[in-house]
Amino acid sequence: MKKIILPILILAISIFGFRYMLKTKSKTGAIEITEPAWIVATTPVILETLSPTVTLYGRVESPKTSTLRSPNLNAQVLQVKVLEGEKVNKNDILIRLEDSDSILKLKQQVADIKDISAQITLEKQRHANNLTIITHEESLLKLAKKSLERLRKLAKQKASSQSALDESQQLVERQTLTIIQRKLEIKNHKARLNQLQAKQIRAKALQDIAKLELARTKITAPFTGIIVEVKVAVGDRVRSGDILLSMYDNSVLEVRTQIPTRYQDIVMNSTNISAIAKLNSKSLTLTLDRISGQINQNSGGIDGLFKLSQPANLRLGQFLTLLLTLPKQTNVVALPYEAVYGMNHIYKLVDGRMQGLKIERIGEQVIDGKSKILVRSSNLQYGEQIIITQLPNAMDGLKVKTAQPN
């Protein structure tokens, strides 16, 4: 019996206690959830006409860069007169190659020319001699013919022997053949002379080639400039076409930099585009000289080539930061970089909430010592408030409030 009464008693006490607690609990009102407001800073929209600047990065190049190679010969390097980084003047001897073979070839060609010149002289003398001799030979032929006629008359009168007549006839024939041969030599004189003169021209051409080969054993500077790299040393044996050294003209240096696509039309349709570069605390003024003729694959723009307005102590491949000044643009707003989200998004403050809009990036500019981005949008009106505080959860409709009244 006790086992049944005890559990019932415990249950009754528990129910009574629960009801007592419900009656005696305190009364509280409903909890209201208030939307938080993020504190931000703003700046007013001021539409201005400004000259945008763009920061670009470029490297120094030279349109006159030369790689000097071994001439058409195999030779040993006898002397290397320059080192990397040295400045040289035009026509300075940079490298000397072995020249003994070239000297021997030149001497051989000189001897050939002298031999042919002597042959030409002999041919002219022979021709002059033939012209003189043929006159006498023709006179002798006339005399021989007269003698033959006399002997024929005497033979008819039985006053001369047949043998004398035959000898006279042979003399006439021999003299006739001699004159024919002499005339042939005179006739062929011009052909023989032309042949010798052609040989002389050929020999002189070979002599010029030998002189060139000899001159090419001395590698000279094609222009005034700086030595970039020397590939050989004394004692090296080089073959035709081997690279000896490379150099560049430091008087025509230029800076190649990539102009972003969004500024390409502005730059290509403008004149007198200039830029400023810093070098050892000094400012260098550069002017856009030309635009590259091609756009490299997977690039974000087109290359621009800037020339220096004044000489500077630059080296090939040197890295420079350029501040490019673009033509003036109207209706642009200068904003801190913190105001821009991504590439082209900002937020206005409208009725205590964020309202996003897309903008066009025009460039940048240093104002009061601070770098600011220049933007433009048809949805921006003078005096509107732009949020310049970066919020990680920024979105349209987010409730915000300014730190101080504007």
Protein backbone atom coordinates (compact mmCIF):
# COMPACT_ATOMS: atom_id res chain seq x y z
CA MET A 1 0.00 0.00 0.00
CA LYS A 2 2.88 2.31 0.92
CA LYS A 3 4.51 1.64 -2.49
CA ILE A 4 1.42 3.09 -4.22
CA ILE A 5 0.82 6.13 -1.94
CA LEU A 6 4.43 7.46 -2.00
CA PRO A 7 4.70 8.04 -5.79
CA ILE A 8 1.25 9.65 -5.87
CA LEU A 9 2.28 12.00 -3.06
CA ILE A 10 5.49 13.03 -4.86
CA LEU A 11 3.58 13.74 -8.10
CA ALA A 12 1.01 15.88 -6.27
CA ILE A 13 3.72 17.95 -4.57
CA SER A 14 5.46 18.52 -7.96
CA ILE A 15 2.26 19.73 -9.64
CA PHE A 16 1.51 22.05 -6.76
CA GLY A 17 5.03 23.52 -6.87
CA PHE A 18 4.88 24.12 -10.64
CA ARG A 19 1.57 26.00 -10.39
CA TYR A 20 2.94 28.09 -7.52
CA MET A 21 5.96 29.12 -9.61
CA LEU A 22 3.75 30.12 -12.55
CA LYS A 23 1.64 32.35 -10.33
CA THR A 24 4.59 34.04 -8.67
CA LYS A 25 6.89 34.69 -11.78
CA SER A 26 7.68 38.31 -12.73
CA LYS A 27 5.95 39.96 -15.69
CA THR A 28 8.32 41.22 -18.53
CA GLY A 29 7.51 43.00 -21.80
CA ALA A 30 8.44 41.76 -25.36
CA ILE A 31 12.07 42.31 -26.47
CA GLU A 32 12.41 44.73 -29.40
CA ILE A 33 15.29 44.08 -31.90
CA THR A 34 16.77 47.36 -33.24
CA GLU A 35 18.64 47.35 -36.64
CA PRO A 36 22.25 48.47 -36.09
CA ALA A 37 23.66 51.40 -38.05
CA TRP A 38 27.28 51.25 -39.21
CA ILE A 39 29.30 54.40 -38.66
CA VAL A 40 30.86 55.70 -41.88
CA ALA A 41 32.60 58.79 -43.24
CA THR A 42 31.36 60.57 -46.33
CA THR A 43 32.55 63.16 -48.79
CA PRO A 44 30.40 65.41 -50.98
CA VAL A 45 30.29 65.08 -54.77
CA ILE A 46 32.18 67.96 -56.42
CA LEU A 47 32.13 67.80 -60.23
CA GLU A 48 35.38 69.23 -61.61
CA THR A 49 37.52 69.45 -64.74
CA LEU A 50 40.80 67.70 -63.95
CA SER A 51 43.79 66.16 -65.71
CA PRO A 52 43.93 62.51 -64.68
CA THR A 53 47.24 60.83 -63.98
CA VAL A 54 47.92 57.11 -64.31
CA THR A 55 50.74 55.22 -62.62
CA LEU A 56 52.55 53.00 -65.11
CA TYR A 57 55.54 50.72 -64.86
CA GLY A 58 58.08 50.45 -67.64
CA ARG A 59 61.56 49.37 -68.60
CA VAL A 60 64.31 51.21 -70.42
CA GLU A 61 64.97 50.10 -74.00
CA SER A 62 67.04 51.28 -76.95
CA PRO A 63 65.89 51.03 -80.58
CA LYS A 64 69.57 50.75 -81.53
CA THR A 65 70.73 47.49 -79.98
CA SER A 66 73.36 45.56 -81.91
CA THR A 67 74.68 42.01 -81.59
CA LEU A 68 78.12 41.78 -83.22
CA ARG A 69 79.03 38.39 -84.71
CA SER A 70 82.13 36.78 -86.14
CA PRO A 71 82.66 37.53 -89.87
CA ASN A 72 82.75 34.85 -92.57
CA LEU A 73 85.92 33.20 -91.31
CA ASN A 74 87.26 30.88 -88.64
CA ALA A 75 89.82 32.63 -86.47
CA GLN A 76 91.28 32.89 -83.02
CA VAL A 77 90.55 35.84 -80.72
CA LEU A 78 93.79 37.80 -80.29
CA GLN A 79 92.58 40.74 -78.22
CA VAL A 80 89.45 41.85 -76.32
CA LYS A 81 89.69 45.58 -75.65
CA VAL A 82 86.39 46.21 -73.84
CA LEU A 83 84.45 44.94 -70.84
CA GLU A 84 80.77 44.86 -69.94
CA GLY A 85 79.39 48.29 -69.06
CA GLU A 86 82.12 50.30 -70.78
CA LYS A 87 81.21 53.24 -72.99
CA VAL A 88 82.74 53.17 -76.48
CA ASN A 89 82.80 55.55 -79.41
CA LYS A 90 81.85 54.83 -82.99
CA ASN A 91 84.57 52.93 -84.94
CA ASP A 92 86.51 52.04 -81.78
CA ILE A 93 88.22 48.63 -82.08
CA LEU A 94 86.49 46.25 -79.66
CA ILE A 95 87.94 42.82 -80.57
CA ARG A 96 90.84 41.74 -82.80
CA LEU A 97 90.83 38.36 -84.54
CA GLU A 98 93.76 36.49 -86.09
CA ASP A 99 94.51 38.07 -89.50
CA SER A 100 97.47 36.10 -90.95
CA ASP A 101 95.30 34.16 -93.43
CA SER A 102 93.59 37.35 -94.57
CA ILE A 103 96.94 39.08 -95.10
CA LEU A 104 98.21 36.21 -97.27
CA LYS A 105 95.04 36.27 -99.37
CA LEU A 106 95.41 40.00 -99.88
CA LYS A 107 99.06 39.64 -100.99
CA GLN A 108 98.04 36.94 -103.47
CA GLN A 109 95.38 39.19 -104.98
CA VAL A 110 97.82 42.10 -105.21
CA ALA A 111 100.26 39.85 -107.12
CA ASP A 112 97.50 38.68 -109.49
CA ILE A 113 96.56 42.28 -110.27
CA LYS A 114 100.19 43.19 -111.05
CA ASP A 115 100.51 40.15 -113.32
CA ILE A 116 97.36 41.05 -115.26
CA SER A 117 98.40 44.70 -115.51
CA ALA A 118 101.71 43.61 -117.03
CA GLN A 119 99.86 41.41 -119.55
CA ILE A 120 97.69 44.36 -120.55
CA THR A 121 100.78 46.51 -121.07
CA LEU A 122 102.39 43.82 -123.22
CA GLU A 123 99.23 43.42 -125.27
CA LYS A 124 99.10 47.15 -125.99
CA GLN A 125 102.78 47.19 -126.97
CA ARG A 126 102.30 44.14 -129.21
CA HIS A 127 99.36 45.83 -130.93
CA ALA A 128 101.33 49.01 -131.53
CA ASN A 129 104.22 46.92 -132.90
CA ASN A 130 101.85 45.02 -135.21
CA LEU A 131 100.48 48.26 -136.62
CA THR A 132 104.02 49.41 -137.42
CA ILE A 133 105.22 46.08 -138.82
CA ILE A 134 102.23 45.51 -141.10
CA THR A 135 103.09 48.67 -143.05
CA HIS A 136 106.58 47.37 -143.79
CA GLU A 137 105.28 43.89 -144.55
CA GLU A 138 102.83 45.30 -147.09
CA SER A 139 105.71 47.20 -148.73
CA LEU A 140 107.75 44.00 -148.85
CA LEU A 141 104.78 42.20 -150.44
CA LYS A 142 104.57 44.86 -153.14
CA LEU A 143 108.29 44.51 -153.87
CA ALA A 144 107.97 40.72 -153.97
CA LYS A 145 105.10 40.96 -156.43
CA LYS A 146 107.09 43.32 -158.69
CA SER A 147 110.05 40.97 -158.60
CA LEU A 148 107.74 38.06 -159.50
CA GLU A 149 106.35 39.98 -162.47
CA ARG A 150 109.86 40.73 -163.77
CA LEU A 151 110.86 37.10 -163.48
CA ARG A 152 107.73 36.03 -165.34
CA LYS A 153 108.59 38.38 -168.20
CA LEU A 154 112.16 37.13 -168.26
CA ALA A 155 110.94 33.53 -168.17
CA LYS A 156 108.82 34.18 -171.24
CA GLN A 157 111.96 35.52 -172.94
CA LYS A 158 113.88 32.45 -171.74
CA ALA A 159 116.11 34.82 -169.77
CA SER A 160 115.32 33.42 -166.31
CA SER A 161 115.30 29.96 -164.80
CA GLN A 162 112.18 28.24 -163.54
CA SER A 163 113.68 27.80 -160.08
CA ALA A 164 114.15 31.54 -159.66
CA LEU A 165 110.55 32.06 -160.69
CA ASP A 166 109.35 29.48 -158.16
CA GLU A 167 111.36 31.04 -155.35
CA SER A 168 109.89 34.44 -156.13
CA GLN A 169 106.39 32.95 -156.14
CA GLN A 170 106.98 31.32 -152.75
CA LEU A 171 108.22 34.61 -151.33
CA VAL A 172 105.01 36.35 -152.39
CA GLU A 173 102.88 33.60 -150.84
CA ARG A 174 104.81 33.65 -147.57
CA GLN A 175 104.59 37.40 -147.34
CA THR A 176 100.84 37.25 -148.02
CA LEU A 177 100.34 34.71 -145.22
CA THR A 178 102.40 36.85 -142.85
CA ILE A 179 100.23 39.88 -143.57
CA ILE A 180 97.03 37.83 -143.08
CA GLN A 181 98.27 36.60 -139.68
CA ARG A 182 99.33 40.13 -138.72
CA LYS A 183 95.90 41.52 -139.62
CA LEU A 184 94.24 38.75 -137.59
CA GLU A 185 96.34 39.68 -134.57
CA ILE A 186 95.42 43.33 -135.03
CA LYS A 187 91.74 42.40 -135.37
CA ASN A 188 91.80 40.22 -132.23
CA HIS A 189 93.61 42.83 -130.17
CA LYS A 190 90.41 44.35 -128.78
CA ALA A 191 89.02 40.96 -127.72
CA ARG A 192 92.28 39.99 -126.01
CA LEU A 193 92.45 43.36 -124.29
CA ASN A 194 88.84 43.05 -123.07
CA GLN A 195 89.61 39.58 -121.76
CA LEU A 196 92.60 40.84 -119.81
CA GLN A 197 90.68 43.82 -118.49
CA ALA A 198 87.89 41.49 -117.30
CA LYS A 199 90.48 39.41 -115.46
CA GLN A 200 91.82 42.61 -113.96
CA ILE A 201 88.36 43.64 -112.74
CA ARG A 202 87.81 40.19 -111.27
CA ALA A 203 91.19 40.30 -109.55
CA LYS A 204 90.47 43.76 -108.12
CA ALA A 205 87.12 42.51 -106.81
CA LEU A 206 88.89 39.60 -105.12
CA GLN A 207 91.39 42.09 -103.73
CA ASP A 208 88.55 44.17 -102.29
CA ILE A 209 87.07 41.03 -100.73
CA ALA A 210 90.45 40.23 -99.21
CA LYS A 211 90.67 43.77 -97.85
CA LEU A 212 87.19 43.42 -96.34
CA GLU A 213 88.11 40.11 -94.74
CA LEU A 214 91.22 41.70 -93.30
CA ALA A 215 89.26 44.72 -92.03
CA ARG A 216 86.64 42.43 -90.49
CA THR A 217 89.25 40.84 -88.27
CA LYS A 218 89.00 44.10 -86.34
CA ILE A 219 85.53 44.23 -84.74
CA THR A 220 84.58 47.90 -84.41
CA ALA A 221 81.72 49.75 -82.73
CA PRO A 222 78.90 50.57 -85.21
CA PHE A 223 77.87 53.54 -83.06
CA THR A 224 78.66 55.25 -79.77
CA GLY A 225 77.13 53.33 -76.90
CA ILE A 226 77.43 50.97 -73.93
CA ILE A 227 78.72 47.38 -73.98
CA VAL A 228 76.02 45.02 -72.68
CA GLU A 229 77.83 41.68 -72.75
CA VAL A 230 81.11 40.20 -74.01
CA LYS A 231 80.82 36.55 -75.08
CA VAL A 232 84.48 35.71 -75.89
CA ALA A 233 87.92 35.89 -74.33
CA VAL A 234 91.47 35.92 -75.68
CA GLY A 235 92.36 32.52 -77.11
CA ASP A 236 88.82 31.50 -78.03
CA ARG A 237 88.34 30.16 -81.54
CA VAL A 238 85.25 31.52 -83.24
CA ARG A 239 83.41 30.34 -86.31
CA SER A 240 81.41 32.30 -88.84
CA GLY A 241 78.32 33.80 -87.20
CA ASP A 242 79.35 33.25 -83.57
CA ILE A 243 78.18 36.00 -81.18
CA LEU A 244 81.10 38.13 -79.96
CA LEU A 245 79.41 40.90 -77.96
CA SER A 246 76.31 43.10 -77.78
CA MET A 247 75.91 46.84 -77.23
CA TYR A 248 73.30 49.60 -77.39
CA ASP A 249 73.13 53.29 -78.18
CA ASN A 250 72.52 55.12 -74.89
CA SER A 251 71.72 58.42 -76.63
CA VAL A 252 68.33 57.20 -77.91
CA LEU A 253 66.99 55.44 -74.83
CA GLU A 254 63.23 55.11 -74.42
CA VAL A 255 60.86 53.61 -71.89
CA ARG A 256 58.37 50.90 -72.88
CA THR A 257 55.29 50.69 -70.66
CA GLN A 258 51.89 49.07 -70.98
CA ILE A 259 48.96 51.48 -71.22
CA PRO A 260 45.78 49.88 -69.81
CA THR A 261 43.01 49.23 -72.32
CA ARG A 262 40.59 51.67 -70.65
CA TYR A 263 42.98 54.56 -71.40
CA GLN A 264 43.94 53.41 -74.89
CA ASP A 265 41.45 55.56 -76.83
CA ILE A 266 42.29 58.67 -74.82
CA VAL A 267 46.01 58.25 -75.41
CA MET A 268 45.76 57.38 -79.11
CA ASN A 269 43.46 60.32 -79.84
CA SER A 270 45.58 62.87 -77.97
CA THR A 271 48.80 64.72 -78.69
CA ASN A 272 51.65 65.79 -76.43
CA ILE A 273 51.09 63.08 -73.83
CA SER A 274 53.76 63.44 -71.14
CA ALA A 275 54.85 61.53 -68.07
CA ILE A 276 57.09 62.05 -65.04
CA ALA A 277 59.50 59.44 -63.65
CA LYS A 278 61.53 59.57 -60.45
CA LEU A 279 65.22 58.67 -60.56
CA ASN A 280 67.40 59.14 -57.48
CA SER A 281 65.16 61.93 -56.13
CA LYS A 282 65.21 63.65 -59.52
CA SER A 283 62.27 64.01 -61.87
CA LEU A 284 62.59 62.91 -65.49
CA THR A 285 60.21 64.28 -68.09
CA LEU A 286 59.16 61.86 -70.82
CA THR A 287 57.00 62.35 -73.91
CA LEU A 288 54.95 59.68 -75.66
CA ASP A 289 56.78 59.10 -78.93
CA ARG A 290 54.70 56.32 -80.48
CA ILE A 291 52.34 53.43 -79.83
CA SER A 292 53.37 49.82 -80.46
CA GLY A 293 52.17 48.29 -83.71
CA GLN A 294 50.80 45.19 -82.00
CA ILE A 295 49.08 44.07 -78.81
CA ASN A 296 50.67 41.07 -77.15
CA GLN A 297 48.50 38.08 -76.41
CA ASN A 298 46.99 37.96 -72.90
CA SER A 299 48.08 41.55 -72.19
CA GLY A 300 45.90 44.11 -70.51
CA GLY A 301 46.72 46.96 -72.86
CA ILE A 302 49.00 48.28 -75.57
CA ASP A 303 52.65 49.26 -75.24
CA GLY A 304 53.59 52.92 -75.36
CA LEU A 305 57.15 54.10 -76.05
CA PHE A 306 58.25 57.26 -74.24
CA LYS A 307 61.36 59.22 -75.12
CA LEU A 308 63.37 61.27 -72.66
CA SER A 309 63.22 65.05 -72.91
CA GLN A 310 66.76 65.35 -71.53
CA PRO A 311 69.76 63.01 -71.19
CA ALA A 312 69.73 60.78 -68.11
CA ASN A 313 72.04 58.21 -66.60
CA LEU A 314 69.84 55.22 -67.40
CA ARG A 315 70.76 51.64 -68.24
CA LEU A 316 69.14 49.13 -70.54
CA GLY A 317 66.43 47.15 -68.74
CA GLN A 318 66.18 49.60 -65.83
CA PHE A 319 62.76 49.63 -64.12
CA LEU A 320 60.93 52.97 -63.83
CA THR A 321 57.62 54.11 -62.35
CA LEU A 322 55.90 56.68 -64.57
CA LEU A 323 53.13 59.09 -63.72
CA LEU A 324 51.27 59.61 -66.99
CA THR A 325 49.29 62.84 -67.38
CA LEU A 326 46.17 62.53 -69.55
CA PRO A 327 44.17 65.35 -71.18
CA LYS A 328 41.67 67.21 -68.98
CA GLN A 329 38.36 65.47 -68.35
CA THR A 330 35.08 67.17 -67.42
CA ASN A 331 32.50 66.19 -64.78
CA VAL A 332 34.87 64.00 -62.78
CA VAL A 333 34.90 63.46 -59.02
CA ALA A 334 38.06 62.97 -56.96
CA LEU A 335 37.55 60.27 -54.30
CA PRO A 336 39.78 58.40 -51.85
CA TYR A 337 40.66 54.88 -52.97
CA GLU A 338 38.70 53.55 -49.96
CA ALA A 339 35.47 54.70 -51.61
CA VAL A 340 35.81 52.26 -54.52
CA TYR A 341 34.73 48.64 -54.22
CA GLY A 342 36.21 46.26 -56.79
CA MET A 343 37.00 47.97 -60.09
CA ASN A 344 33.97 50.19 -60.68
CA HIS A 345 31.56 50.32 -57.73
CA ILE A 346 30.87 53.00 -55.09
CA TYR A 347 28.07 53.72 -52.59
CA LYS A 348 26.06 56.88 -51.96
CA LEU A 349 24.40 57.76 -48.65
CA VAL A 350 20.66 58.07 -49.32
CA ASP A 351 18.18 58.38 -46.41
CA GLY A 352 20.59 56.73 -43.99
CA ARG A 353 21.24 53.72 -46.20
CA MET A 354 23.84 52.64 -48.75
CA GLN A 355 22.94 52.88 -52.43
CA GLY A 356 25.41 51.38 -54.93
CA LEU A 357 26.20 52.59 -58.43
CA LYS A 358 28.72 51.83 -61.15
CA ILE A 359 31.35 54.37 -62.12
CA GLU A 360 33.93 54.88 -64.85
CA ARG A 361 37.52 55.08 -63.67
CA ILE A 362 39.17 58.05 -65.36
CA GLY A 363 42.54 57.99 -63.64
CA GLU A 364 44.14 59.30 -60.51
CA GLN A 365 45.58 62.55 -59.25
CA VAL A 366 47.59 63.79 -56.30
CA ILE A 367 45.54 66.44 -54.49
CA ASP A 368 46.90 68.16 -51.36
CA GLY A 369 49.62 65.53 -51.17
CA LYS A 370 47.15 62.63 -51.23
CA SER A 371 46.57 60.29 -54.15
CA LYS A 372 42.93 60.14 -55.19
CA ILE A 373 41.05 58.26 -57.86
CA LEU A 374 39.07 60.19 -60.48
CA VAL A 375 35.69 58.71 -61.39
CA ARG A 376 32.71 59.71 -63.50
CA SER A 377 29.05 58.64 -63.58
CA SER A 378 25.87 60.13 -64.96
CA ASN A 379 24.17 59.14 -61.68
CA LEU A 380 26.34 61.45 -59.59
CA GLN A 381 24.88 64.85 -58.73
CA TYR A 382 26.63 67.79 -57.15
CA GLY A 383 26.48 67.71 -53.35
CA GLU A 384 25.53 64.02 -52.96
CA GLN A 385 27.33 62.17 -50.18
CA ILE A 386 29.72 59.36 -51.13
CA ILE A 387 30.63 56.79 -48.47
CA ILE A 388 34.42 56.61 -48.16
CA THR A 389 34.65 54.01 -45.38
CA GLN A 390 35.36 50.46 -46.52
CA LEU A 391 32.79 48.07 -45.00
CA PRO A 392 33.29 44.31 -45.30
CA ASN A 393 29.51 43.77 -45.49
CA ALA A 394 28.73 46.67 -47.83
CA MET A 395 25.53 46.19 -49.83
CA ASP A 396 22.54 48.11 -51.11
CA GLY A 397 20.16 49.11 -48.29
CA LEU A 398 22.65 48.65 -45.44
CA LYS A 399 21.84 51.13 -42.65
CA VAL A 400 24.67 53.55 -41.89
CA LYS A 401 25.22 56.84 -40.15
CA THR A 402 27.94 59.42 -40.40
CA ALA A 403 30.51 59.91 -37.69
CA GLN A 404 30.04 63.67 -37.86
CA PRO A 405 27.37 65.78 -39.55
CA ASN A 406 28.37 66.88 -43.05
